[in-house]
Protein backbone atom coordinates (compact mmCIF):
# COMPACT_ATOMS: atom_id res chain seq x y z
CA MET A 1 19.48 -61.26 -12.66
CA ARG A 2 21.83 -62.73 -10.08
CA HIS A 3 20.66 -64.61 -6.98
CA LEU A 4 19.61 -62.55 -3.99
CA LEU A 5 21.71 -62.54 -0.88
CA ALA A 6 19.88 -63.13 2.37
CA GLY A 7 20.76 -63.24 6.06
CA ALA A 8 24.28 -64.64 5.77
CA ALA A 9 25.43 -62.03 3.31
CA ILE A 10 23.89 -59.21 5.32
CA ALA A 11 25.63 -60.54 8.43
CA ALA A 12 28.90 -60.47 6.50
CA LEU A 13 28.27 -56.89 5.38
CA VAL A 14 27.51 -55.83 8.95
CA ALA A 15 30.73 -57.39 10.08
CA GLY A 16 32.64 -55.64 7.33
CA ALA A 17 33.46 -58.77 5.37
CA THR A 18 33.22 -58.93 1.59
CA PRO A 19 30.38 -61.19 0.39
CA ALA A 20 30.96 -63.97 -2.11
CA ILE A 21 29.88 -61.77 -5.00
CA SER A 22 30.76 -58.15 -5.64
CA GLU A 23 27.28 -56.69 -5.56
CA THR A 24 24.85 -56.03 -2.75
CA PRO A 25 21.49 -57.87 -2.77
CA ASP A 26 18.93 -56.71 -5.32
CA ASN A 27 16.27 -56.08 -2.66
CA GLN A 28 18.54 -54.69 0.05
CA LEU A 29 20.21 -51.30 0.23
CA VAL A 30 23.57 -50.95 1.96
CA VAL A 31 24.63 -47.43 2.85
CA ALA A 32 27.63 -46.06 4.73
CA PHE A 33 27.54 -43.02 6.97
CA ASN A 34 28.98 -41.64 10.21
CA MET A 35 26.80 -42.44 13.20
CA ASN A 36 28.99 -40.97 15.96
CA ASN A 37 26.13 -38.64 16.90
CA VAL A 38 23.41 -41.31 16.81
CA LEU A 39 22.65 -41.90 20.48
CA THR A 40 18.98 -42.90 20.59
CA MET A 41 16.06 -43.82 18.34
CA ASP A 42 13.49 -42.01 20.48
CA PRO A 43 12.08 -39.22 18.26
CA ALA A 44 11.67 -36.95 21.28
CA ALA A 45 15.36 -37.16 22.16
CA ILE A 46 17.24 -37.23 18.86
CA THR A 47 19.78 -34.67 17.68
CA GLY A 48 21.64 -34.23 14.39
CA GLY A 49 20.99 -34.90 10.74
CA GLU A 50 22.20 -38.51 10.85
CA THR A 51 19.42 -39.61 13.20
CA VAL A 52 16.90 -37.59 11.20
CA GLN A 53 18.06 -39.50 8.13
CA ILE A 54 17.28 -42.78 9.89
CA LEU A 55 13.96 -41.84 11.43
CA ASN A 56 12.58 -40.21 8.27
CA ASN A 57 12.20 -43.80 7.08
CA VAL A 58 10.65 -45.15 10.28
CA TYR A 59 8.17 -42.45 11.25
CA ASP A 60 5.70 -40.45 9.24
CA SER A 61 4.96 -36.79 9.82
CA LEU A 62 1.73 -34.95 9.10
CA VAL A 63 3.33 -33.22 6.12
CA SER A 64 6.66 -33.52 4.30
CA LEU A 65 8.92 -31.36 2.17
CA ASP A 66 9.45 -32.23 -1.47
CA PRO A 67 13.18 -33.13 -1.72
CA GLU A 68 13.63 -31.03 -4.86
CA SER A 69 11.29 -28.04 -4.55
CA LYS A 70 11.14 -28.00 -0.72
CA GLU A 71 7.41 -27.33 -1.03
CA LEU A 72 5.00 -28.73 1.56
CA GLN A 73 3.18 -31.87 0.52
CA PRO A 74 0.74 -34.30 2.21
CA ARG A 75 1.99 -37.21 4.27
CA LEU A 76 -0.21 -38.59 7.06
CA ALA A 77 -2.43 -35.57 6.56
CA GLU A 78 -4.19 -35.74 3.21
CA SER A 79 -5.04 -32.05 3.51
CA TRP A 80 -5.00 -29.17 5.97
CA GLU A 81 -6.69 -25.82 6.44
CA VAL A 82 -5.23 -22.69 8.03
CA SER A 83 -7.68 -20.48 9.90
CA ASP A 84 -8.34 -16.93 8.71
CA ASP A 85 -6.42 -15.47 11.65
CA ASN A 86 -3.39 -17.77 11.09
CA ARG A 87 -3.70 -19.07 14.65
CA SER A 88 -4.74 -22.69 13.96
CA VAL A 89 -4.21 -25.49 11.44
CA THR A 90 -6.68 -28.35 11.06
CA PHE A 91 -5.33 -31.59 9.59
CA ASN A 92 -7.43 -34.24 7.84
CA LEU A 93 -5.66 -37.57 8.34
CA ARG A 94 -5.50 -40.46 5.89
CA GLU A 95 -8.06 -43.06 6.86
CA ASP A 96 -6.01 -45.97 5.48
CA ALA A 97 -2.79 -45.27 7.43
CA GLN A 98 -1.59 -47.94 9.85
CA PHE A 99 1.40 -48.21 12.12
CA ALA A 100 3.84 -51.08 11.63
CA SER A 101 2.08 -52.75 14.57
CA GLY A 102 -1.17 -52.83 12.59
CA ASN A 103 -2.80 -50.21 14.83
CA PRO A 104 -4.63 -47.46 12.90
CA VAL A 105 -3.13 -43.95 12.84
CA ARG A 106 -5.54 -41.67 14.71
CA ALA A 107 -5.70 -38.02 15.67
CA GLU A 108 -5.14 -39.21 19.24
CA ASP A 109 -1.72 -40.51 18.20
CA VAL A 110 -0.83 -37.10 16.80
CA LYS A 111 -1.79 -35.38 20.05
CA TYR A 112 0.11 -37.94 22.09
CA SER A 113 3.25 -37.60 19.96
CA LEU A 114 3.42 -33.81 20.30
CA SER A 115 2.41 -33.87 23.96
CA ARG A 116 5.01 -36.50 24.74
CA ILE A 117 7.80 -34.27 23.42
CA LEU A 118 6.78 -31.40 25.67
CA GLU A 119 6.12 -33.55 28.74
CA LEU A 120 9.44 -35.37 28.52
CA ASN A 121 11.22 -32.07 27.76
CA LEU A 122 14.05 -33.77 25.84
CA ALA A 123 16.07 -32.40 22.92
CA GLN A 124 13.18 -31.96 20.50
CA ALA A 125 11.11 -29.95 22.98
CA SER A 126 13.18 -26.78 22.57
CA GLY A 127 11.85 -26.08 19.09
CA LEU A 128 8.22 -26.35 20.14
CA MET A 129 8.86 -24.30 23.25
CA SER A 130 10.53 -21.58 21.18
CA ARG A 131 7.22 -21.22 19.29
CA GLY A 132 5.32 -20.83 22.58
CA PHE A 133 4.05 -24.40 23.03
CA SER A 134 3.96 -25.57 26.63
CA ALA A 135 3.31 -28.79 28.53
CA ASP A 136 0.90 -26.81 30.71
CA ALA A 137 -1.42 -26.03 27.78
CA ILE A 138 -1.51 -29.32 25.89
CA ASP A 139 -5.29 -29.63 25.74
CA GLU A 140 -5.65 -26.11 24.33
CA GLN A 141 -2.83 -26.45 21.80
CA PHE A 142 -3.47 -30.01 20.54
CA VAL A 143 -7.14 -30.81 19.88
CA VAL A 144 -8.60 -34.12 18.68
CA GLU A 145 -11.72 -33.19 16.68
CA ASP A 146 -12.54 -36.78 15.72
CA GLU A 147 -10.65 -39.96 14.88
CA HIS A 148 -9.12 -38.50 11.71
CA THR A 149 -9.19 -34.75 12.36
CA PHE A 150 -6.61 -32.91 14.47
CA THR A 151 -6.29 -29.19 15.16
CA LEU A 152 -3.06 -27.48 16.13
CA ASN A 153 -3.68 -24.15 17.89
CA LEU A 154 -0.73 -21.78 17.73
CA PRO A 155 -0.02 -20.29 21.17
CA GLN A 156 1.38 -17.01 19.79
CA PRO A 157 1.32 -15.05 16.52
CA ASP A 158 3.39 -17.02 14.03
CA ASP A 159 3.60 -18.12 10.42
CA PRO A 160 1.73 -21.43 9.95
CA LYS A 161 3.97 -22.19 6.93
CA LEU A 162 7.00 -22.25 9.21
CA ILE A 163 5.23 -24.44 11.77
CA LEU A 164 4.25 -26.89 9.03
CA MET A 165 7.82 -26.97 7.71
CA TYR A 166 9.05 -27.61 11.23
CA LEU A 167 6.58 -30.46 11.77
CA SER A 168 7.73 -32.11 8.53
CA GLN A 169 11.04 -32.99 10.18
CA ALA A 170 11.74 -36.31 11.88
CA GLY A 171 11.95 -35.95 15.62
CA VAL A 172 9.56 -33.16 16.48
CA GLY A 173 7.22 -34.18 13.65
CA SER A 174 7.38 -37.96 14.11
CA ILE A 175 4.00 -39.53 14.90
CA VAL A 176 4.30 -42.48 17.28
CA ASP A 177 1.90 -45.35 17.95
CA LYS A 178 0.38 -44.30 21.30
CA GLU A 179 -1.02 -47.75 22.09
CA LEU A 180 2.27 -49.55 21.42
CA VAL A 181 4.38 -46.99 23.26
CA GLN A 182 2.11 -47.05 26.30
CA GLU A 183 2.25 -50.86 26.36
CA ASN A 184 6.02 -50.59 26.71
CA ALA A 185 6.13 -47.66 29.13
CA GLN A 186 7.72 -48.17 32.54
CA ASP A 187 7.33 -46.06 35.66
CA GLY A 188 5.70 -43.22 33.77
CA ASP A 189 8.54 -42.78 31.26
CA MET A 190 6.12 -42.63 28.29
CA GLY A 191 8.12 -45.40 26.61
CA ARG A 192 11.40 -43.49 26.67
CA ASP A 193 13.55 -46.46 27.63
CA TRP A 194 11.87 -48.79 25.13
CA LEU A 195 11.97 -46.30 22.23
CA THR A 196 15.71 -45.87 22.65
CA ASN A 197 16.15 -49.20 20.84
CA ASN A 198 12.75 -49.82 19.22
CA SER A 199 10.35 -48.05 16.90
CA ALA A 200 6.63 -47.34 16.85
CA GLY A 201 6.09 -45.62 13.52
CA SER A 202 4.06 -45.84 10.33
CA GLY A 203 6.88 -45.17 7.87
CA ALA A 204 7.94 -47.35 4.96
CA PHE A 205 10.43 -49.16 7.22
CA SER A 206 10.63 -50.16 10.85
CA LEU A 207 13.68 -50.41 13.07
CA ASP A 208 14.92 -54.01 13.05
CA GLN A 209 18.02 -53.49 15.18
CA TRP A 210 20.85 -51.06 15.78
CA ARG A 211 24.12 -50.98 17.63
CA GLY A 212 25.75 -47.70 18.49
CA ASN A 213 28.69 -46.85 16.21
CA GLU A 214 28.20 -50.12 14.33
CA PHE A 215 25.04 -50.35 12.22
CA VAL A 216 21.33 -49.73 11.83
CA ILE A 217 19.05 -52.25 10.07
CA LEU A 218 15.66 -51.13 8.77
CA ALA A 219 13.09 -53.71 7.67
CA ARG A 220 10.30 -53.05 5.18
CA ASN A 221 7.00 -52.24 6.89
CA ASP A 222 4.40 -54.48 5.26
CA ASN A 223 1.63 -52.35 6.82
CA PHE A 224 2.88 -49.17 5.12
CA TRP A 225 -0.01 -47.17 3.68
CA GLY A 226 1.96 -46.09 0.59
CA GLU A 227 3.40 -48.07 -2.27
CA ALA A 228 5.56 -50.91 -0.97
CA PRO A 229 9.29 -50.10 -1.19
CA GLU A 230 11.36 -52.25 -3.51
CA MET A 231 14.02 -52.57 -0.83
CA GLN A 232 13.15 -55.25 1.70
CA ARG A 233 15.88 -54.15 4.04
CA VAL A 234 18.24 -51.21 4.49
CA LEU A 235 21.59 -51.70 6.21
CA MET A 236 23.19 -48.46 7.37
CA ARG A 237 26.81 -49.13 8.32
CA HIS A 238 28.94 -46.91 10.52
CA LEU A 239 31.99 -46.20 8.35
CA PRO A 240 33.38 -42.86 9.52
CA GLU A 241 36.58 -43.21 7.49
CA SER A 242 36.12 -41.78 4.01
CA GLN A 243 38.63 -44.20 2.48
CA SER A 244 36.63 -47.16 3.81
CA GLN A 245 33.49 -45.82 2.14
CA ARG A 246 35.36 -45.30 -1.11
CA LEU A 247 36.79 -48.83 -1.02
CA GLY A 248 33.34 -50.26 -0.26
CA LEU A 249 31.88 -48.45 -3.27
CA GLU A 250 34.68 -49.57 -5.56
CA GLN A 251 34.36 -53.20 -4.48
CA GLY A 252 30.55 -53.16 -4.62
CA ASP A 253 30.15 -53.84 -0.90
CA ILE A 254 28.04 -50.74 -0.35
CA ASP A 255 25.46 -48.98 -2.50
CA VAL A 256 25.72 -45.44 -1.14
CA GLY A 257 28.39 -43.46 0.71
CA PHE A 258 27.01 -40.43 2.53
CA SER A 259 30.13 -39.01 4.21
CA LEU A 260 33.12 -39.11 1.89
CA ALA A 261 35.92 -36.55 1.96
CA ALA A 262 36.76 -34.42 -1.05
CA PRO A 263 39.87 -36.39 -2.16
CA ASP A 264 37.89 -39.64 -2.25
CA LEU A 265 34.96 -38.06 -4.05
CA LYS A 266 37.42 -36.65 -6.57
CA GLY A 267 38.98 -40.08 -6.94
CA LEU A 268 35.60 -41.66 -7.67
CA GLU A 269 34.64 -39.18 -10.39
CA ASP A 270 36.35 -41.25 -13.09
CA ASP A 271 34.72 -44.52 -11.97
CA GLU A 272 32.07 -45.29 -14.59
CA ASN A 273 30.14 -47.41 -12.08
CA ILE A 274 29.77 -44.62 -9.52
CA GLU A 275 27.50 -41.57 -9.56
CA ILE A 276 28.33 -38.49 -7.49
CA ARG A 277 25.61 -35.99 -6.65
CA THR A 278 25.67 -32.71 -4.74
CA VAL A 279 22.52 -30.98 -3.44
CA PRO A 280 21.82 -27.87 -1.32
CA SER A 281 21.40 -28.34 2.40
CA ALA A 282 20.96 -26.08 5.43
CA GLY A 283 23.18 -23.29 6.71
CA PHE A 284 26.42 -21.63 5.67
CA TYR A 285 30.16 -21.49 6.07
CA TYR A 286 30.94 -18.03 7.40
CA LEU A 287 33.39 -15.57 8.91
CA ALA A 288 32.07 -14.29 12.26
CA VAL A 289 33.33 -11.39 14.37
CA SER A 290 32.82 -10.64 18.04
CA MET A 291 31.43 -7.17 18.45
CA LYS A 292 32.60 -7.18 22.04
CA ASP A 293 35.91 -6.20 20.43
CA GLU A 294 35.74 -2.46 19.75
CA ARG A 295 37.51 -2.93 16.43
CA PHE A 296 34.82 -5.24 15.09
CA ALA A 297 32.06 -3.14 16.65
CA ASP A 298 32.99 -0.53 14.01
CA PRO A 299 30.87 -1.18 10.87
CA LYS A 300 33.70 0.15 8.69
CA VAL A 301 35.99 -2.63 9.95
CA ARG A 302 33.28 -5.26 9.40
CA GLU A 303 32.71 -3.92 5.90
CA ALA A 304 36.45 -4.11 5.25
CA LEU A 305 36.40 -7.79 6.23
CA ARG A 306 33.57 -8.30 3.76
CA TYR A 307 36.03 -7.32 1.00
CA LEU A 308 38.88 -9.43 2.38
CA ILE A 309 37.31 -12.79 1.57
CA ASP A 310 38.24 -14.48 -1.71
CA TYR A 311 34.77 -15.89 -2.37
CA GLU A 312 35.60 -17.27 -5.79
CA GLY A 313 38.92 -18.79 -4.77
CA ILE A 314 37.60 -20.47 -1.61
CA ASN A 315 34.56 -21.94 -3.33
CA SER A 316 36.42 -23.17 -6.41
CA ALA A 317 39.48 -24.59 -4.66
CA ILE A 318 38.28 -25.63 -1.19
CA MET A 319 34.51 -26.04 -1.09
CA PRO A 320 33.61 -28.41 -3.96
CA TYR A 321 31.35 -31.13 -2.46
CA PHE A 322 30.88 -28.99 0.71
CA GLY A 323 29.58 -25.59 -0.35
CA VAL A 324 28.70 -23.19 -3.15
CA LYS A 325 29.20 -19.44 -3.13
CA ARG A 326 26.56 -17.62 -1.12
CA GLN A 327 26.87 -14.19 0.51
CA ARG A 328 23.43 -13.61 2.01
CA PRO A 329 22.37 -15.17 5.33
CA ILE A 330 19.26 -16.79 3.82
CA ASN A 331 19.52 -20.15 2.10
CA SER A 332 18.86 -20.02 -1.63
CA SER A 333 16.06 -22.61 -1.26
CA ALA A 334 14.03 -20.39 1.08
CA PHE A 335 11.20 -18.35 -0.38
CA ALA A 336 12.01 -14.62 -0.80
CA ALA A 337 15.76 -15.34 -1.02
CA LEU A 338 17.53 -12.63 -3.04
CA PRO A 339 20.53 -13.21 -5.31
CA ASP A 340 23.98 -12.48 -3.89
CA PRO A 341 24.96 -8.80 -3.63
CA GLY A 342 28.16 -9.51 -5.57
CA TYR A 343 30.94 -8.91 -3.03
CA GLU A 344 34.44 -9.62 -4.33
CA LEU A 345 37.92 -9.66 -2.90
CA ASN A 346 39.01 -6.02 -3.06
CA VAL A 347 42.06 -5.31 -0.93
CA GLU A 348 42.33 -1.64 -1.87
CA LYS A 349 38.71 -0.97 -0.91
CA ALA A 350 39.24 -2.82 2.37
CA LYS A 351 42.38 -0.73 3.11
CA SER A 352 40.41 2.46 2.48
CA LEU A 353 37.66 1.37 4.88
CA LEU A 354 40.23 0.45 7.54
CA GLU A 355 41.85 3.87 7.09
CA GLU A 356 38.47 5.54 7.64
CA ALA A 357 38.03 3.51 10.82
CA GLY A 358 41.45 4.54 12.13
CA TYR A 359 43.21 1.25 11.45
CA GLY A 360 45.24 2.20 8.41
CA ASP A 361 48.25 0.35 9.82
CA GLY A 362 46.21 -2.79 10.43
CA PHE A 363 46.13 -4.75 13.69
CA GLU A 364 46.67 -8.16 15.23
CA THR A 365 43.85 -10.58 15.90
CA SER A 366 43.03 -14.31 15.89
CA ILE A 367 40.83 -16.67 13.88
CA ARG A 368 39.34 -19.65 15.66
CA VAL A 369 38.47 -22.67 13.52
CA ILE A 370 37.89 -26.40 13.94
CA SER A 371 40.60 -28.56 12.42
CA THR A 372 38.37 -30.24 9.82
CA GLN A 373 39.96 -29.71 6.40
CA GLN A 374 37.51 -27.41 4.62
CA PHE A 375 37.20 -25.16 7.67
CA LEU A 376 40.95 -24.95 8.26
CA ASP A 377 41.71 -24.37 4.58
CA SER A 378 39.10 -21.61 4.41
CA ALA A 379 40.50 -19.95 7.53
CA THR A 380 44.01 -20.14 6.08
CA ALA A 381 42.83 -18.51 2.86
CA ILE A 382 41.14 -15.72 4.82
CA GLN A 383 44.26 -15.31 6.96
CA GLY A 384 46.20 -14.69 3.75
CA THR A 385 43.82 -12.06 2.35
CA LEU A 386 43.56 -10.29 5.72
CA ALA A 387 47.34 -10.00 5.73
CA GLN A 388 47.22 -8.16 2.41
CA ALA A 389 45.38 -5.34 4.21
CA GLY A 390 47.73 -5.36 7.22
CA ILE A 391 45.61 -7.56 9.52
CA ASP A 392 47.82 -10.18 11.18
CA ALA A 393 45.51 -13.02 12.23
CA GLU A 394 46.78 -15.98 14.26
CA ILE A 395 44.88 -19.21 13.58
CA ILE A 396 43.71 -21.08 16.69
CA THR A 397 42.44 -24.61 16.04
CA GLY A 398 40.60 -27.11 18.18
CA ASP A 399 37.60 -29.41 18.29
CA GLY A 400 34.01 -28.26 18.11
CA GLY A 401 33.65 -27.92 21.87
CA GLN A 402 36.72 -25.70 22.10
CA ILE A 403 36.02 -23.49 19.09
CA TYR A 404 32.26 -23.12 19.28
CA GLY A 405 32.53 -23.15 23.07
CA ALA A 406 34.54 -19.92 22.84
CA MET A 407 31.81 -18.50 20.59
CA ARG A 408 29.09 -19.52 23.06
CA ASP A 409 31.14 -17.85 25.81
CA ARG A 410 31.44 -14.74 23.61
CA SER A 411 35.20 -14.95 24.01
CA PHE A 412 36.78 -14.81 20.54
CA ASP A 413 37.91 -12.32 17.87
CA LEU A 414 37.22 -13.92 14.49
CA LEU A 415 35.83 -17.39 13.79
CA VAL A 416 35.38 -19.45 10.66
CA GLY A 417 32.43 -21.73 11.27
CA ARG A 418 29.27 -23.29 9.93
CA GLY A 419 25.66 -22.88 10.97
CA GLY A 420 22.81 -20.49 10.51
CA GLY A 421 19.59 -22.52 10.57
CA GLY A 422 17.85 -23.31 7.31
CA GLN A 423 16.50 -26.76 8.11
CA GLN A 424 13.16 -25.22 7.15
CA PRO A 425 13.09 -23.41 3.77
CA HIS A 426 11.74 -20.26 5.41
CA PRO A 427 13.72 -17.00 5.83
CA ASP A 428 12.90 -16.89 9.54
CA SER A 429 14.81 -20.13 10.08
CA ASN A 430 18.03 -18.40 8.97
CA LEU A 431 17.32 -14.92 10.33
CA ARG A 432 16.36 -16.21 13.76
CA ALA A 433 19.65 -18.13 13.94
CA ILE A 434 22.04 -15.52 12.53
CA VAL A 435 20.60 -12.01 12.98
CA TYR A 436 17.91 -11.96 15.68
CA ASN A 437 19.01 -11.17 19.23
CA PRO A 438 16.31 -10.12 21.73
CA ASP A 439 18.68 -9.58 24.69
CA ASN A 440 22.37 -8.78 24.25
CA SER A 441 23.30 -8.96 27.94
CA ASP A 442 25.88 -11.53 29.00
CA ASP A 443 23.44 -12.93 31.54
CA ALA A 444 20.86 -13.72 28.82
CA GLY A 445 22.85 -16.77 27.72
CA LEU A 446 21.02 -17.00 24.37
CA THR A 447 23.54 -19.41 22.89
CA ASN A 448 21.08 -20.69 20.26
CA TYR A 449 21.18 -17.22 18.67
CA GLN A 450 24.38 -16.56 16.77
CA GLY A 451 23.54 -12.87 16.91
CA TRP A 452 23.92 -13.14 20.70
CA ARG A 453 27.09 -15.21 20.41
CA THR A 454 28.67 -12.45 18.31
CA SER A 455 27.25 -9.64 20.49
CA PHE A 456 25.31 -8.22 17.55
CA GLN A 457 21.96 -6.63 18.26
CA ASP A 458 19.91 -4.32 16.10
CA GLU A 459 16.43 -3.44 17.34
CA GLU A 460 15.27 -2.34 13.90
CA LEU A 461 16.18 -5.67 12.34
CA ASN A 462 14.67 -7.54 15.30
CA GLN A 463 11.36 -5.80 14.76
CA MET A 464 11.44 -6.31 11.00
CA ILE A 465 12.04 -10.04 11.53
CA GLU A 466 9.13 -10.27 13.98
CA ASP A 467 6.81 -8.30 11.69
CA ALA A 468 7.65 -10.35 8.59
CA LEU A 469 7.00 -13.62 10.39
CA VAL A 470 3.37 -12.80 11.20
CA GLU A 471 2.48 -10.97 7.98
CA ARG A 472 -0.56 -12.78 6.56
CA ASP A 473 -0.43 -11.49 2.96
CA GLN A 474 2.12 -13.62 1.12
CA GLU A 475 3.22 -10.99 -1.41
CA THR A 476 3.72 -8.44 1.35
CA GLN A 477 5.62 -10.99 3.43
CA VAL A 478 8.00 -11.72 0.53
CA GLN A 479 8.65 -8.00 0.10
CA MET A 480 9.33 -7.63 3.83
CA TYR A 481 11.92 -10.41 3.75
CA GLU A 482 13.56 -8.83 0.70
CA ASP A 483 13.74 -5.52 2.58
CA ILE A 484 15.38 -7.28 5.52
CA GLN A 485 18.09 -8.70 3.26
CA LYS A 486 18.83 -5.26 1.84
CA MET A 487 18.92 -3.82 5.36
CA ILE A 488 21.44 -6.50 6.35
CA ASP A 489 23.67 -5.31 3.50
CA ASP A 490 23.56 -1.78 4.90
CA LYS A 491 23.93 -2.70 8.56
CA VAL A 492 26.94 -5.03 7.96
CA ILE A 493 26.03 -7.69 10.48
CA SER A 494 28.51 -9.75 12.50
CA ILE A 495 28.42 -12.86 10.30
CA GLN A 496 29.45 -12.90 6.66
CA PRO A 497 28.60 -16.11 4.79
CA PHE A 498 30.98 -17.08 2.02
CA SER A 499 29.52 -20.47 1.09
CA GLU A 500 26.14 -22.16 1.32
CA ARG A 501 26.35 -25.68 2.66
CA VAL A 502 25.78 -28.54 0.25
CA VAL A 503 25.91 -32.28 0.85
CA THR A 504 27.38 -34.84 -1.50
CA ALA A 505 26.94 -38.59 -1.80
CA ALA A 506 28.42 -41.24 -4.07
CA TYR A 507 26.41 -44.28 -5.12
CA GLN A 508 26.37 -47.21 -7.53
CA ASP A 509 25.07 -46.26 -10.98
CA ASP A 510 22.38 -48.95 -10.87
CA VAL A 511 20.77 -47.34 -7.81
CA SER A 512 17.94 -44.84 -8.40
CA GLY A 513 15.71 -42.79 -6.12
CA ILE A 514 18.37 -41.78 -3.58
CA VAL A 515 17.61 -38.54 -1.70
CA ILE A 516 20.92 -37.00 -0.62
CA ASP A 517 19.96 -34.28 1.87
CA PRO A 518 19.62 -36.00 5.28
CA TRP A 519 16.88 -33.60 6.43
CA VAL A 520 14.47 -34.89 3.76
CA SER A 521 16.04 -38.26 2.93
CA ARG A 522 13.86 -41.35 2.57
CA PHE A 523 14.64 -44.76 1.04
CA GLU A 524 11.11 -45.77 0.07
CA ASP A 525 11.58 -44.88 -3.63
CA VAL A 526 15.00 -46.52 -4.06
CA THR A 527 15.28 -49.09 -6.83
CA LYS A 528 18.11 -51.07 -8.40
CA ASP A 529 18.32 -51.44 -12.17
CA ARG A 530 20.08 -54.77 -12.62
């Protein structure tokens, strides 16, 4: 085994210099990713998968999702019990868990962590508030039974499975060290300023230092209640350019590249020292229509569009490393997910449907799409198949604010985009994002619902979604979600997925235990076989 590199080599890696030898240290993991959206380390304020990927390692949650099966498993809570009426969950905490500070993890810390999110009302509060939780009812919702027993009372009828899945995620589910945070609070900010650049967790690592758009350094937490990680330190470098990540992998300067473009991933496939792995993630690539346009309000026209997407061609030629074919608006990892209905490109069938709708001669329209390669290439492919049925679609490109801004303003015709929930492997996570729309008025401003953005509303589907969520018998609930998917086929909703999102990473072949999906990623099981 070669000699370990210490501080000087890590400093060189942070600065982007090549160390004296061509391999990273045996006990230190060096990863490359894009941290443009990493703005704070405060769990209550974070947004985006990149920050989740960092804080999964720093903070523990009550429960976690198995990276492979997506099933719930114990974390800080050794066990939990759901009440007979599905309105409360009681967690039994590990008695040996400590924070990195050495303070014990108590039920009081759990209450404080959840209360803090609601009281500060930052980014992570919206999810709790959408489930009915409120800063005005903290003592009723979050109950400390004793030092190691905590009860979560659901404020409205809900599915406890979904709540548990939600609380497994870094941010809303991160348990902070109340004593340490309060010691560093200023002017009643509940430690907000201090937690922007520091950590107060019980995870396998603690935050050593970070610099925006430069790097994050995680140090092994010697007070971690689980098995000690082999990696003493994790350096996460901001390398937004795919070619830089590829070069770093080829030269041995980095262990893992999390955000490489397709050409560079393809170029690495023949490197015997590099492994490339693709795993399912959350959401879809889709074609959306605005039903404010009378043409797309006609279900015959929407059905015609369903048959004017070359699902096989797009997924085989454009989406490798980014997506796999999926035509239903429920992620394949969610329970009750049905197989695809089997739509295929069928221009003649689409022409017949357009004829029935009174558009036999076609029409002119536009497709909005961000300029990122896989989106633009997909939109161009759809533009070509639409043309075969007489639909002349102009492509309008722009950045995310311009393209999705038009969707949020409900001012577009067609749009090729990505989204649709799915961070929790529960059908409601997708259906609530894509189909559900409780108020279709312009004044409602329900921009978090893509059903609202596309002006789609169906009261029958709304009610079916609400009923399935609170069904207490699991077999019946599965059947209800299957019925919803079949109903969506018949209704022809405003969003047609053509690809389920996947994420891909490349890493050195002597690295094991890497979890690719940022929503469940942790580094505590990473080893190097050298």
